[in-house]
């Protein structure tokens, strides 16, 4: 029999997944016309030098200062562009774990400031896994603790009043630190694109929220 602490933890997990799905849904309405550029060369070897050491476990505000695209960390834009090119129709994208050795090697290269050639050194599942690892190792989650509780409470209090829930969640999202909001907006645009290929990859918004909810909230 589950302890009260375990029941509370499980309830929080389900809520975080549900809120993530609902936030994705909200952003679907406002970002439906936004598209990530296709066909860039950032995944090619000549463009893959990360300028800093230690890209994992670093505050978003620090990485955003060195970002060249919308305050989104270079490692994220590179991985997303790779997945946009090769992974949108991949069955089980983000659900199937990548090679432990490849993930370790790629992370080491990013953290040592080496050139990272995702095309030759990675594969779809490994790149998807290391993107989740990057988010998991952030010292402060995309949704910081002080916003986490408010998001869950807002959804729980207004889940039967969708218009009010949407308004409140949008207001809370606008209070995210700029670096956090920029990353979440970028990721959401990408994940909405992934979901638009769900007939092939089987990753609907609901499935993506199950995968990313715990990572975004931690």
N, C-alpha and C. Protein backbone atom coordinates (compact mmCIF):
# COMPACT_ATOMS: atom_id res chain seq x y z
N UNK A 1 0.85 -1.20 0.00
CA UNK A 1 0.00 0.00 0.00
C UNK A 1 0.88 1.25 0.00
N UNK A 2 0.55 2.21 -0.86
CA UNK A 2 1.36 3.42 -0.98
C UNK A 2 1.22 4.29 0.26
N UNK A 3 2.35 4.92 0.64
CA UNK A 3 2.33 5.84 1.77
C UNK A 3 1.72 7.16 1.33
N UNK A 4 1.25 7.99 2.30
CA UNK A 4 0.71 9.31 1.94
C UNK A 4 1.70 10.15 1.14
N UNK A 5 2.99 10.02 1.47
CA UNK A 5 4.03 10.78 0.75
C UNK A 5 4.11 10.33 -0.70
N UNK A 6 4.03 9.02 -0.92
CA UNK A 6 4.08 8.49 -2.29
C UNK A 6 2.85 8.89 -3.08
N UNK A 7 1.68 8.86 -2.43
CA UNK A 7 0.44 9.27 -3.09
C UNK A 7 0.53 10.73 -3.51
N UNK A 8 1.04 11.58 -2.60
CA UNK A 8 1.19 13.00 -2.91
C UNK A 8 2.16 13.20 -4.07
N UNK A 9 3.28 12.45 -4.05
CA UNK A 9 4.26 12.57 -5.12
C UNK A 9 3.66 12.15 -6.46
N UNK A 10 2.92 11.05 -6.46
CA UNK A 10 2.29 10.57 -7.70
C UNK A 10 1.26 11.58 -8.21
N UNK A 11 0.52 12.19 -7.28
CA UNK A 11 -0.47 13.18 -7.68
C UNK A 11 0.21 14.39 -8.31
N UNK A 12 1.33 14.82 -7.71
CA UNK A 12 2.08 15.96 -8.26
C UNK A 12 2.61 15.63 -9.64
N UNK A 13 3.06 14.40 -9.85
CA UNK A 13 3.59 13.98 -11.14
C UNK A 13 2.49 14.03 -12.20
N UNK A 14 1.34 13.48 -11.89
CA UNK A 14 0.22 13.50 -12.83
C UNK A 14 -0.19 14.94 -13.15
N UNK A 15 -0.23 15.77 -12.12
CA UNK A 15 -0.59 17.17 -12.33
C UNK A 15 0.43 17.88 -13.21
N UNK A 16 1.71 17.64 -12.98
CA UNK A 16 2.73 18.30 -13.78
C UNK A 16 2.62 17.88 -15.24
N UNK A 17 2.33 16.60 -15.48
CA UNK A 17 2.15 16.12 -16.85
C UNK A 17 0.92 16.78 -17.49
N UNK A 18 -0.15 16.88 -16.71
CA UNK A 18 -1.39 17.48 -17.23
C UNK A 18 -1.20 18.95 -17.53
N UNK A 19 -0.54 19.65 -16.61
CA UNK A 19 -0.29 21.07 -16.84
C UNK A 19 0.60 21.27 -18.06
N UNK A 20 1.62 20.41 -18.20
CA UNK A 20 2.50 20.52 -19.37
C UNK A 20 1.69 20.36 -20.66
N UNK A 21 0.82 19.35 -20.68
CA UNK A 21 -0.01 19.17 -21.87
C UNK A 21 -0.86 20.40 -22.12
N UNK A 22 -1.46 20.95 -21.06
CA UNK A 22 -2.35 22.09 -21.24
C UNK A 22 -1.58 23.33 -21.69
N UNK A 23 -0.37 23.50 -21.14
CA UNK A 23 0.46 24.63 -21.56
C UNK A 23 0.85 24.48 -23.02
N UNK A 24 1.22 23.24 -23.42
CA UNK A 24 1.51 23.00 -24.83
C UNK A 24 0.30 23.36 -25.69
N UNK A 25 -0.89 22.99 -25.21
CA UNK A 25 -2.12 23.28 -25.95
C UNK A 25 -2.31 24.79 -26.09
N UNK A 26 -2.08 25.52 -25.00
CA UNK A 26 -2.20 26.98 -25.05
C UNK A 26 -1.24 27.56 -26.08
N UNK A 27 0.00 27.10 -26.01
CA UNK A 27 0.99 27.63 -26.93
C UNK A 27 0.71 27.22 -28.37
N UNK A 28 0.04 26.10 -28.54
CA UNK A 28 -0.35 25.69 -29.89
C UNK A 28 -1.23 26.74 -30.54
N UNK A 29 -2.08 27.35 -29.72
CA UNK A 29 -2.97 28.38 -30.24
C UNK A 29 -2.21 29.65 -30.64
N UNK A 30 -1.19 30.00 -29.82
CA UNK A 30 -0.49 31.26 -30.07
C UNK A 30 0.74 31.11 -30.95
N UNK A 31 1.26 29.87 -31.08
CA UNK A 31 2.48 29.66 -31.85
C UNK A 31 2.24 28.87 -33.13
N UNK A 32 1.00 28.67 -33.48
CA UNK A 32 0.70 27.81 -34.63
C UNK A 32 1.31 28.33 -35.92
N UNK A 33 1.59 29.62 -35.98
CA UNK A 33 2.16 30.18 -37.21
C UNK A 33 3.68 30.28 -37.15
N UNK A 34 4.27 29.88 -36.01
CA UNK A 34 5.71 29.96 -35.85
C UNK A 34 6.34 28.67 -36.32
N UNK A 35 7.41 28.77 -37.10
CA UNK A 35 8.09 27.58 -37.58
C UNK A 35 9.59 27.71 -37.34
N UNK A 36 10.21 26.61 -36.95
CA UNK A 36 11.65 26.59 -36.81
C UNK A 36 12.27 26.50 -38.19
N UNK A 37 13.30 27.27 -38.46
CA UNK A 37 13.92 27.27 -39.78
C UNK A 37 14.45 25.89 -40.13
N UNK A 38 14.23 25.50 -41.35
CA UNK A 38 14.71 24.22 -41.83
C UNK A 38 15.97 24.42 -42.66
N UNK A 39 16.75 23.36 -42.75
CA UNK A 39 17.86 23.37 -43.68
C UNK A 39 19.04 24.23 -43.28
N UNK A 40 19.19 24.58 -42.00
CA UNK A 40 20.37 25.31 -41.57
C UNK A 40 21.53 24.33 -41.50
N UNK A 41 22.75 24.88 -41.34
CA UNK A 41 23.93 24.03 -41.34
C UNK A 41 24.53 23.85 -39.96
N UNK A 42 23.78 24.16 -38.91
CA UNK A 42 24.37 24.13 -37.57
C UNK A 42 24.67 22.73 -37.08
N UNK A 43 24.13 21.71 -37.72
CA UNK A 43 24.49 20.36 -37.30
C UNK A 43 25.69 19.84 -38.08
N UNK A 44 26.16 20.60 -39.05
CA UNK A 44 27.34 20.19 -39.81
C UNK A 44 28.60 20.43 -38.99
N UNK A 45 29.64 19.61 -39.18
CA UNK A 45 30.83 19.69 -38.33
C UNK A 45 31.47 21.07 -38.25
N UNK A 46 31.52 21.81 -39.35
CA UNK A 46 32.21 23.09 -39.37
C UNK A 46 31.58 24.12 -38.45
N UNK A 47 30.36 23.90 -38.01
CA UNK A 47 29.64 24.89 -37.22
C UNK A 47 29.42 24.42 -35.78
N UNK A 48 30.16 23.41 -35.35
CA UNK A 48 29.80 22.78 -34.10
C UNK A 48 30.75 23.03 -32.95
N UNK A 49 31.46 24.11 -32.95
CA UNK A 49 32.32 24.41 -31.82
C UNK A 49 31.52 25.14 -30.75
N UNK A 50 31.39 24.52 -29.59
CA UNK A 50 30.75 25.21 -28.48
C UNK A 50 31.80 26.08 -27.81
N UNK A 51 31.48 27.32 -27.55
CA UNK A 51 32.47 28.29 -27.10
C UNK A 51 32.85 28.14 -25.64
N UNK A 52 32.06 27.48 -24.85
CA UNK A 52 32.34 27.40 -23.42
C UNK A 52 32.58 25.96 -22.98
N UNK A 53 33.18 25.83 -21.84
CA UNK A 53 33.28 24.52 -21.21
C UNK A 53 32.12 24.40 -20.24
N UNK A 54 31.66 23.18 -20.05
CA UNK A 54 30.53 22.92 -19.16
C UNK A 54 29.24 23.59 -19.64
N UNK A 55 28.57 22.91 -20.54
CA UNK A 55 27.26 23.37 -21.01
C UNK A 55 26.13 22.72 -20.23
N UNK A 56 26.41 21.61 -19.58
CA UNK A 56 25.39 20.91 -18.79
C UNK A 56 25.50 21.35 -17.33
N UNK A 57 24.35 21.48 -16.68
CA UNK A 57 24.35 21.88 -15.29
C UNK A 57 24.68 23.35 -15.06
N UNK A 58 24.51 24.14 -16.11
CA UNK A 58 24.82 25.58 -16.04
C UNK A 58 23.50 26.36 -16.06
N UNK A 59 23.36 27.42 -15.26
CA UNK A 59 22.11 28.20 -15.27
C UNK A 59 21.77 28.73 -16.65
N UNK A 60 20.49 28.72 -16.97
CA UNK A 60 20.04 29.20 -18.28
C UNK A 60 20.45 30.64 -18.52
N UNK A 61 20.43 31.46 -17.48
CA UNK A 61 20.80 32.86 -17.64
C UNK A 61 22.24 33.01 -18.14
N UNK A 62 23.12 32.13 -17.68
CA UNK A 62 24.52 32.16 -18.12
C UNK A 62 24.64 31.73 -19.57
N UNK A 63 23.98 30.64 -19.92
CA UNK A 63 24.03 30.14 -21.30
C UNK A 63 23.37 31.11 -22.26
N UNK A 64 22.30 31.78 -21.81
CA UNK A 64 21.57 32.70 -22.68
C UNK A 64 22.43 33.89 -23.10
N UNK A 65 23.36 34.29 -22.25
CA UNK A 65 24.22 35.43 -22.56
C UNK A 65 25.13 35.12 -23.75
N UNK A 66 25.40 33.84 -23.97
CA UNK A 66 26.30 33.43 -25.05
C UNK A 66 25.53 32.89 -26.26
N UNK A 67 24.21 32.83 -26.15
CA UNK A 67 23.40 32.27 -27.24
C UNK A 67 23.31 33.25 -28.40
N UNK A 68 23.22 32.70 -29.59
CA UNK A 68 23.10 33.53 -30.79
C UNK A 68 21.69 33.50 -31.37
N UNK A 69 20.83 32.63 -30.86
CA UNK A 69 19.47 32.51 -31.39
C UNK A 69 18.45 32.63 -30.27
N UNK A 70 17.85 33.80 -30.15
CA UNK A 70 16.71 34.01 -29.25
C UNK A 70 16.98 33.61 -27.81
N UNK A 71 18.20 33.80 -27.34
CA UNK A 71 18.58 33.45 -25.97
C UNK A 71 18.42 31.97 -25.66
N UNK A 72 18.44 31.13 -26.66
CA UNK A 72 18.34 29.68 -26.46
C UNK A 72 19.75 29.10 -26.54
N UNK A 73 20.16 28.29 -25.56
CA UNK A 73 21.51 27.72 -25.57
C UNK A 73 21.84 27.01 -26.87
N UNK A 74 23.09 27.18 -27.33
CA UNK A 74 23.53 26.59 -28.59
C UNK A 74 23.30 25.08 -28.63
N UNK A 75 23.60 24.41 -27.52
CA UNK A 75 23.46 22.94 -27.52
C UNK A 75 22.02 22.54 -27.81
N UNK A 76 21.06 23.32 -27.33
CA UNK A 76 19.65 23.00 -27.56
C UNK A 76 19.28 23.24 -29.02
N UNK A 77 19.68 24.39 -29.57
CA UNK A 77 19.32 24.67 -30.96
C UNK A 77 19.95 23.65 -31.90
N UNK A 78 21.17 23.23 -31.60
CA UNK A 78 21.83 22.25 -32.45
C UNK A 78 21.10 20.91 -32.42
N UNK A 79 20.73 20.46 -31.22
CA UNK A 79 20.05 19.17 -31.10
C UNK A 79 18.66 19.22 -31.72
N UNK A 80 17.95 20.32 -31.51
CA UNK A 80 16.61 20.46 -32.08
C UNK A 80 16.69 20.48 -33.60
N UNK A 81 17.66 21.19 -34.16
CA UNK A 81 17.78 21.23 -35.62
C UNK A 81 18.09 19.85 -36.19
N UNK A 82 18.91 19.09 -35.49
CA UNK A 82 19.20 17.71 -35.91
C UNK A 82 17.92 16.88 -35.90
N UNK A 83 17.17 16.97 -34.82
CA UNK A 83 15.94 16.18 -34.70
C UNK A 83 14.88 16.64 -35.70
N UNK A 84 14.85 17.94 -36.00
CA UNK A 84 13.92 18.44 -37.03
C UNK A 84 14.27 17.84 -38.39
N UNK A 85 15.55 17.68 -38.65
CA UNK A 85 15.98 17.16 -39.95
C UNK A 85 15.74 15.66 -40.07
N UNK A 86 16.03 14.92 -38.99
CA UNK A 86 16.09 13.46 -39.11
C UNK A 86 15.09 12.70 -38.25
N UNK A 87 14.47 13.34 -37.25
CA UNK A 87 13.74 12.56 -36.28
C UNK A 87 12.24 12.71 -36.21
N UNK A 88 11.66 13.60 -36.99
CA UNK A 88 10.24 13.89 -36.82
C UNK A 88 9.33 12.68 -37.06
N UNK A 89 9.74 11.79 -37.93
CA UNK A 89 8.92 10.62 -38.23
C UNK A 89 9.42 9.36 -37.51
N UNK A 90 10.34 9.54 -36.59
CA UNK A 90 10.94 8.40 -35.88
C UNK A 90 9.98 7.89 -34.80
N UNK A 91 9.59 6.63 -34.89
CA UNK A 91 8.63 6.05 -33.95
C UNK A 91 9.20 6.06 -32.53
N UNK A 92 8.41 6.59 -31.61
CA UNK A 92 8.83 6.60 -30.21
C UNK A 92 9.87 7.65 -29.89
N UNK A 93 9.94 8.71 -30.69
CA UNK A 93 10.89 9.79 -30.43
C UNK A 93 10.72 10.29 -29.00
N UNK A 94 11.82 10.36 -28.26
CA UNK A 94 11.90 10.77 -26.85
C UNK A 94 11.46 9.68 -25.86
N UNK A 95 10.87 8.61 -26.37
CA UNK A 95 10.49 7.53 -25.46
C UNK A 95 11.50 6.40 -25.44
N UNK A 96 12.24 6.26 -26.54
CA UNK A 96 13.24 5.20 -26.64
C UNK A 96 14.60 5.77 -26.23
N UNK A 97 15.24 5.12 -25.29
CA UNK A 97 16.54 5.60 -24.80
C UNK A 97 17.63 5.37 -25.84
N UNK A 98 18.56 6.32 -25.89
CA UNK A 98 19.68 6.20 -26.80
C UNK A 98 20.82 5.41 -26.20
N UNK A 99 21.89 5.27 -26.96
CA UNK A 99 23.08 4.55 -26.52
C UNK A 99 23.75 5.29 -25.36
N UNK A 100 23.97 4.58 -24.26
CA UNK A 100 24.62 5.19 -23.09
C UNK A 100 26.00 5.71 -23.46
N UNK A 101 26.75 4.95 -24.25
CA UNK A 101 28.11 5.37 -24.64
C UNK A 101 28.09 6.61 -25.52
N UNK A 102 27.13 6.67 -26.45
CA UNK A 102 27.05 7.84 -27.33
C UNK A 102 26.62 9.07 -26.55
N UNK A 103 25.68 8.91 -25.64
CA UNK A 103 25.24 10.03 -24.82
C UNK A 103 26.39 10.57 -23.98
N UNK A 104 27.13 9.67 -23.37
CA UNK A 104 28.27 10.06 -22.54
C UNK A 104 29.32 10.79 -23.37
N UNK A 105 29.60 10.26 -24.56
CA UNK A 105 30.63 10.87 -25.42
C UNK A 105 30.20 12.25 -25.91
N UNK A 106 28.94 12.40 -26.30
CA UNK A 106 28.44 13.68 -26.77
C UNK A 106 28.45 14.71 -25.66
N UNK A 107 28.00 14.31 -24.48
CA UNK A 107 28.00 15.23 -23.35
C UNK A 107 29.40 15.70 -23.02
N UNK A 108 30.34 14.78 -23.05
CA UNK A 108 31.74 15.14 -22.75
C UNK A 108 32.26 16.15 -23.76
N UNK A 109 31.94 15.95 -25.04
CA UNK A 109 32.39 16.90 -26.05
C UNK A 109 31.78 18.27 -25.83
N UNK A 110 30.49 18.32 -25.54
CA UNK A 110 29.85 19.61 -25.28
C UNK A 110 30.51 20.30 -24.09
N UNK A 111 30.78 19.54 -23.04
CA UNK A 111 31.32 20.14 -21.82
C UNK A 111 32.80 20.50 -21.93
N UNK A 112 33.49 19.93 -22.91
CA UNK A 112 34.89 20.27 -23.11
C UNK A 112 35.09 21.27 -24.23
N UNK A 113 33.97 21.77 -24.78
CA UNK A 113 34.06 22.79 -25.82
C UNK A 113 34.56 22.28 -27.15
N UNK A 114 34.43 20.98 -27.38
CA UNK A 114 34.89 20.41 -28.65
C UNK A 114 33.81 20.53 -29.73
N UNK A 115 34.23 20.31 -30.98
CA UNK A 115 33.26 20.27 -32.06
C UNK A 115 32.39 19.02 -31.90
N UNK A 116 31.09 19.21 -32.05
CA UNK A 116 30.15 18.10 -31.90
C UNK A 116 29.49 17.84 -33.24
N UNK A 117 29.74 16.68 -33.79
CA UNK A 117 29.18 16.28 -35.09
C UNK A 117 28.05 15.30 -34.85
N UNK A 118 26.84 15.83 -34.72
CA UNK A 118 25.70 14.98 -34.41
C UNK A 118 25.39 14.00 -35.54
N UNK A 119 25.67 14.40 -36.76
CA UNK A 119 25.35 13.53 -37.91
C UNK A 119 26.18 12.26 -37.88
N UNK A 120 27.46 12.41 -37.58
CA UNK A 120 28.36 11.25 -37.61
C UNK A 120 28.55 10.59 -36.25
N UNK A 121 28.41 11.36 -35.16
CA UNK A 121 28.68 10.82 -33.84
C UNK A 121 27.41 10.45 -33.06
N UNK A 122 26.26 10.90 -33.55
CA UNK A 122 25.02 10.64 -32.82
C UNK A 122 24.05 9.81 -33.62
N UNK A 123 22.88 9.63 -33.06
CA UNK A 123 21.74 9.02 -33.75
C UNK A 123 20.49 9.63 -33.14
N UNK A 124 19.35 9.37 -33.71
CA UNK A 124 18.12 10.05 -33.29
C UNK A 124 17.83 9.84 -31.81
N UNK A 125 17.86 8.60 -31.36
CA UNK A 125 17.50 8.32 -29.97
C UNK A 125 18.53 8.89 -28.99
N UNK A 126 19.79 8.87 -29.36
CA UNK A 126 20.83 9.41 -28.47
C UNK A 126 20.73 10.93 -28.37
N UNK A 127 20.47 11.59 -29.48
CA UNK A 127 20.33 13.05 -29.46
C UNK A 127 19.08 13.44 -28.67
N UNK A 128 17.99 12.71 -28.87
CA UNK A 128 16.77 12.99 -28.10
C UNK A 128 17.02 12.79 -26.61
N UNK A 129 17.77 11.76 -26.26
CA UNK A 129 18.06 11.47 -24.86
C UNK A 129 18.95 12.53 -24.23
N UNK A 130 19.93 13.02 -24.98
CA UNK A 130 20.84 14.01 -24.40
C UNK A 130 20.15 15.37 -24.28
N UNK A 131 19.17 15.63 -25.13
CA UNK A 131 18.37 16.85 -24.97
C UNK A 131 17.59 16.79 -23.66
N UNK A 132 16.98 15.65 -23.38
CA UNK A 132 16.27 15.49 -22.10
C UNK A 132 17.24 15.58 -20.92
N UNK A 133 18.45 15.03 -21.09
CA UNK A 133 19.44 15.09 -20.03
C UNK A 133 19.87 16.53 -19.74
N UNK A 134 20.02 17.32 -20.80
CA UNK A 134 20.37 18.73 -20.61
C UNK A 134 19.32 19.42 -19.74
N UNK A 135 18.06 19.19 -20.05
CA UNK A 135 16.97 19.81 -19.29
C UNK A 135 16.95 19.29 -17.85
N UNK A 136 17.19 18.01 -17.69
CA UNK A 136 17.16 17.40 -16.36
C UNK A 136 18.27 17.95 -15.47
N UNK A 137 19.43 18.28 -16.05
CA UNK A 137 20.57 18.71 -15.25
C UNK A 137 20.62 20.23 -15.04
N UNK A 138 19.64 20.96 -15.54
CA UNK A 138 19.62 22.39 -15.26
C UNK A 138 19.54 22.60 -13.74
N UNK A 139 20.35 23.50 -13.20
CA UNK A 139 20.30 23.74 -11.75
C UNK A 139 18.96 24.31 -11.29
N UNK A 140 18.31 25.05 -12.17
CA UNK A 140 16.94 25.54 -11.93
C UNK A 140 16.10 25.10 -13.11
N UNK A 141 15.02 24.37 -12.84
CA UNK A 141 14.18 23.83 -13.91
C UNK A 141 13.61 24.94 -14.79
N UNK A 142 13.17 24.55 -15.99
CA UNK A 142 12.54 25.53 -16.88
C UNK A 142 11.39 26.23 -16.16
N UNK A 143 10.58 25.46 -15.43
CA UNK A 143 9.59 26.05 -14.53
C UNK A 143 10.18 26.05 -13.12
N UNK A 144 10.68 27.18 -12.64
CA UNK A 144 11.30 27.23 -11.30
C UNK A 144 10.31 26.86 -10.20
N UNK A 145 10.86 26.48 -9.06
CA UNK A 145 10.03 26.04 -7.94
C UNK A 145 8.96 27.05 -7.56
N UNK A 146 9.32 28.34 -7.57
CA UNK A 146 8.35 29.36 -7.14
C UNK A 146 7.16 29.46 -8.09
N UNK A 147 7.34 29.03 -9.34
CA UNK A 147 6.24 29.05 -10.30
C UNK A 147 5.54 27.71 -10.37
N UNK A 148 6.27 26.66 -10.06
CA UNK A 148 5.75 25.29 -10.12
C UNK A 148 4.45 25.16 -9.33
N UNK A 149 4.49 25.55 -8.06
CA UNK A 149 3.31 25.40 -7.20
C UNK A 149 2.13 26.21 -7.72
N UNK A 150 2.41 27.43 -8.21
CA UNK A 150 1.33 28.28 -8.71
C UNK A 150 0.69 27.71 -9.97
N UNK A 151 1.51 27.13 -10.85
CA UNK A 151 0.97 26.51 -12.05
C UNK A 151 0.05 25.34 -11.71
N UNK A 152 0.51 24.48 -10.82
CA UNK A 152 -0.29 23.31 -10.44
C UNK A 152 -1.58 23.73 -9.73
N UNK A 153 -1.45 24.72 -8.84
CA UNK A 153 -2.63 25.18 -8.10
C UNK A 153 -3.64 25.85 -9.04
N UNK A 154 -3.14 26.66 -9.96
CA UNK A 154 -4.03 27.34 -10.91
C UNK A 154 -4.80 26.33 -11.73
N UNK A 155 -4.09 25.30 -12.21
CA UNK A 155 -4.78 24.30 -13.02
C UNK A 155 -5.78 23.52 -12.20
N UNK A 156 -5.40 23.14 -10.99
CA UNK A 156 -6.29 22.35 -10.14
C UNK A 156 -7.54 23.14 -9.77
N UNK A 157 -7.36 24.44 -9.49
CA UNK A 157 -8.49 25.29 -9.07
C UNK A 157 -9.42 25.63 -10.22
N UNK A 158 -8.90 25.64 -11.46
CA UNK A 158 -9.70 26.13 -12.59
C UNK A 158 -9.88 25.10 -13.70
N UNK A 159 -9.60 23.81 -13.40
CA UNK A 159 -9.63 22.82 -14.47
C UNK A 159 -11.02 22.63 -15.09
N UNK A 160 -12.06 23.07 -14.37
CA UNK A 160 -13.41 23.00 -14.94
C UNK A 160 -13.84 24.30 -15.59
N UNK A 161 -12.93 25.28 -15.61
CA UNK A 161 -13.21 26.58 -16.22
C UNK A 161 -12.04 26.92 -17.14
N UNK A 162 -12.07 26.36 -18.33
CA UNK A 162 -10.92 26.41 -19.21
C UNK A 162 -10.51 27.83 -19.60
N UNK A 163 -11.47 28.70 -19.82
CA UNK A 163 -11.13 30.07 -20.22
C UNK A 163 -10.34 30.77 -19.13
N UNK A 164 -10.79 30.63 -17.87
CA UNK A 164 -10.09 31.25 -16.76
C UNK A 164 -8.74 30.58 -16.54
N UNK A 165 -8.70 29.27 -16.69
CA UNK A 165 -7.46 28.53 -16.53
C UNK A 165 -6.43 28.99 -17.57
N UNK A 166 -6.86 29.14 -18.79
CA UNK A 166 -5.98 29.60 -19.86
C UNK A 166 -5.44 30.98 -19.56
N UNK A 167 -6.31 31.87 -19.12
CA UNK A 167 -5.88 33.24 -18.82
C UNK A 167 -4.85 33.26 -17.70
N UNK A 168 -5.10 32.50 -16.65
CA UNK A 168 -4.19 32.49 -15.51
C UNK A 168 -2.84 31.85 -15.86
N UNK A 169 -2.88 30.76 -16.63
CA UNK A 169 -1.64 30.11 -17.01
C UNK A 169 -0.80 30.99 -17.92
N UNK A 170 -1.45 31.71 -18.83
CA UNK A 170 -0.72 32.64 -19.69
C UNK A 170 -0.05 33.72 -18.86
N UNK A 171 -0.76 34.21 -17.85
CA UNK A 171 -0.18 35.24 -16.97
C UNK A 171 1.03 34.69 -16.22
N UNK A 172 0.91 33.47 -15.73
CA UNK A 172 2.03 32.86 -15.00
C UNK A 172 3.22 32.61 -15.93
N UNK A 173 2.95 32.18 -17.14
CA UNK A 173 4.04 31.94 -18.10
C UNK A 173 4.79 33.23 -18.40
N UNK A 174 4.05 34.34 -18.46
CA UNK A 174 4.70 35.62 -18.76
C UNK A 174 5.61 36.08 -17.64
N UNK A 175 5.48 35.46 -16.46
CA UNK A 175 6.34 35.84 -15.33
C UNK A 175 7.60 34.99 -15.25
N UNK A 176 7.76 34.06 -16.16
CA UNK A 176 8.99 33.27 -16.20
C UNK A 176 10.19 34.18 -16.45
N UNK A 177 11.35 33.87 -15.87
CA UNK A 177 12.57 34.60 -16.25
C UNK A 177 12.76 34.53 -17.76
N UNK A 178 13.32 35.57 -18.34
CA UNK A 178 13.39 35.67 -19.80
C UNK A 178 14.08 34.46 -20.44
N UNK A 179 15.20 34.03 -19.87
CA UNK A 179 15.93 32.89 -20.44
C UNK A 179 15.10 31.61 -20.38
N UNK A 180 14.32 31.46 -19.32
CA UNK A 180 13.47 30.28 -19.16
C UNK A 180 12.31 30.33 -20.15
N UNK A 181 11.71 31.50 -20.29
CA UNK A 181 10.58 31.62 -21.22
C UNK A 181 11.05 31.39 -22.66
N UNK A 182 12.21 31.95 -23.02
CA UNK A 182 12.72 31.79 -24.38
C UNK A 182 12.95 30.31 -24.70
N UNK A 183 13.54 29.58 -23.75
CA UNK A 183 13.78 28.16 -23.97
C UNK A 183 12.47 27.39 -24.06
N UNK A 184 11.53 27.69 -23.16
CA UNK A 184 10.27 26.95 -23.19
C UNK A 184 9.50 27.23 -24.48
N UNK A 185 9.51 28.48 -24.93
CA UNK A 185 8.83 28.81 -26.17
C UNK A 185 9.47 28.07 -27.35
N UNK A 186 10.80 28.04 -27.38
CA UNK A 186 11.51 27.35 -28.45
C UNK A 186 11.21 25.86 -28.43
N UNK A 187 11.28 25.27 -27.24
CA UNK A 187 10.99 23.83 -27.12
C UNK A 187 9.55 23.52 -27.48
N UNK A 188 8.64 24.38 -27.06
CA UNK A 188 7.22 24.14 -27.34
C UNK A 188 6.94 24.18 -28.83
N UNK A 189 7.55 25.13 -29.52
CA UNK A 189 7.38 25.21 -30.97
C UNK A 189 7.87 23.93 -31.63
N UNK A 190 9.02 23.45 -31.17
CA UNK A 190 9.57 22.20 -31.69
C UNK A 190 8.67 21.01 -31.36
N UNK A 191 8.21 20.92 -30.11
CA UNK A 191 7.40 19.78 -29.70
C UNK A 191 6.03 19.77 -30.38
N UNK A 192 5.51 20.95 -30.66
CA UNK A 192 4.27 21.01 -31.43
C UNK A 192 4.49 20.47 -32.84
N UNK A 193 5.67 20.73 -33.37
CA UNK A 193 6.02 20.19 -34.68
C UNK A 193 6.13 18.67 -34.60
N UNK A 194 6.76 18.18 -33.53
CA UNK A 194 6.85 16.73 -33.33
C UNK A 194 5.45 16.12 -33.27
N UNK A 195 4.56 16.76 -32.51
CA UNK A 195 3.20 16.24 -32.36
C UNK A 195 2.43 16.26 -33.68
N UNK A 196 2.77 17.19 -34.56
CA UNK A 196 2.08 17.25 -35.85
C UNK A 196 2.43 16.05 -36.73
N UNK A 197 3.47 15.29 -36.34
CA UNK A 197 3.86 14.08 -37.07
C UNK A 197 3.48 12.83 -36.28
N UNK A 198 2.52 12.96 -35.38
CA UNK A 198 2.21 11.86 -34.46
C UNK A 198 1.67 10.61 -35.17
N UNK A 199 1.12 10.76 -36.35
CA UNK A 199 0.65 9.57 -37.07
C UNK A 199 1.82 8.64 -37.40
N UNK A 200 3.02 9.26 -37.56
CA UNK A 200 4.20 8.46 -37.86
C UNK A 200 5.00 8.13 -36.61
N UNK A 201 5.23 9.16 -35.75
CA UNK A 201 6.11 8.93 -34.60
C UNK A 201 5.37 8.49 -33.33
N UNK A 202 4.02 8.54 -33.35
CA UNK A 202 3.18 8.13 -32.22
C UNK A 202 3.35 9.02 -30.98
N UNK A 203 3.89 10.24 -31.19
CA UNK A 203 4.11 11.14 -30.06
C UNK A 203 3.13 12.31 -30.14
N UNK A 204 1.97 12.13 -29.53
CA UNK A 204 0.96 13.18 -29.45
C UNK A 204 1.39 14.19 -28.39
N UNK A 205 0.64 15.29 -28.28
CA UNK A 205 0.93 16.27 -27.23
C UNK A 205 0.85 15.62 -25.85
N UNK A 206 -0.14 14.75 -25.67
CA UNK A 206 -0.28 14.07 -24.38
C UNK A 206 0.94 13.22 -24.07
N UNK A 207 1.43 12.47 -25.07
CA UNK A 207 2.60 11.63 -24.85
C UNK A 207 3.85 12.47 -24.58
N UNK A 208 3.98 13.58 -25.29
CA UNK A 208 5.13 14.45 -25.07
C UNK A 208 5.09 15.08 -23.69
N UNK A 209 3.89 15.41 -23.23
CA UNK A 209 3.75 15.99 -21.88
C UNK A 209 4.14 14.97 -20.82
N UNK A 210 3.81 13.70 -21.03
CA UNK A 210 4.20 12.64 -20.09
C UNK A 210 5.73 12.55 -20.02
N UNK A 211 6.40 12.69 -21.17
CA UNK A 211 7.86 12.59 -21.21
C UNK A 211 8.50 13.83 -20.61
N UNK A 212 8.01 15.02 -20.99
CA UNK A 212 8.71 16.25 -20.63
C UNK A 212 8.19 16.91 -19.35
N UNK A 213 6.98 16.56 -18.92
CA UNK A 213 6.44 17.18 -17.73
C UNK A 213 7.36 17.13 -16.52
N UNK A 214 7.79 15.92 -16.13
CA UNK A 214 8.68 15.83 -14.96
C UNK A 214 10.00 16.56 -15.15
N UNK A 215 10.49 16.62 -16.42
CA UNK A 215 11.76 17.30 -16.70
C UNK A 215 11.63 18.81 -16.61
N UNK A 216 10.53 19.34 -17.11
CA UNK A 216 10.32 20.79 -17.09
C UNK A 216 10.09 21.30 -15.68
N UNK A 217 9.47 20.46 -14.86
CA UNK A 217 9.17 20.87 -13.47
C UNK A 217 10.24 20.38 -12.48
N UNK A 218 10.79 19.20 -12.73
CA UNK A 218 11.76 18.56 -11.82
C UNK A 218 11.20 18.48 -10.41
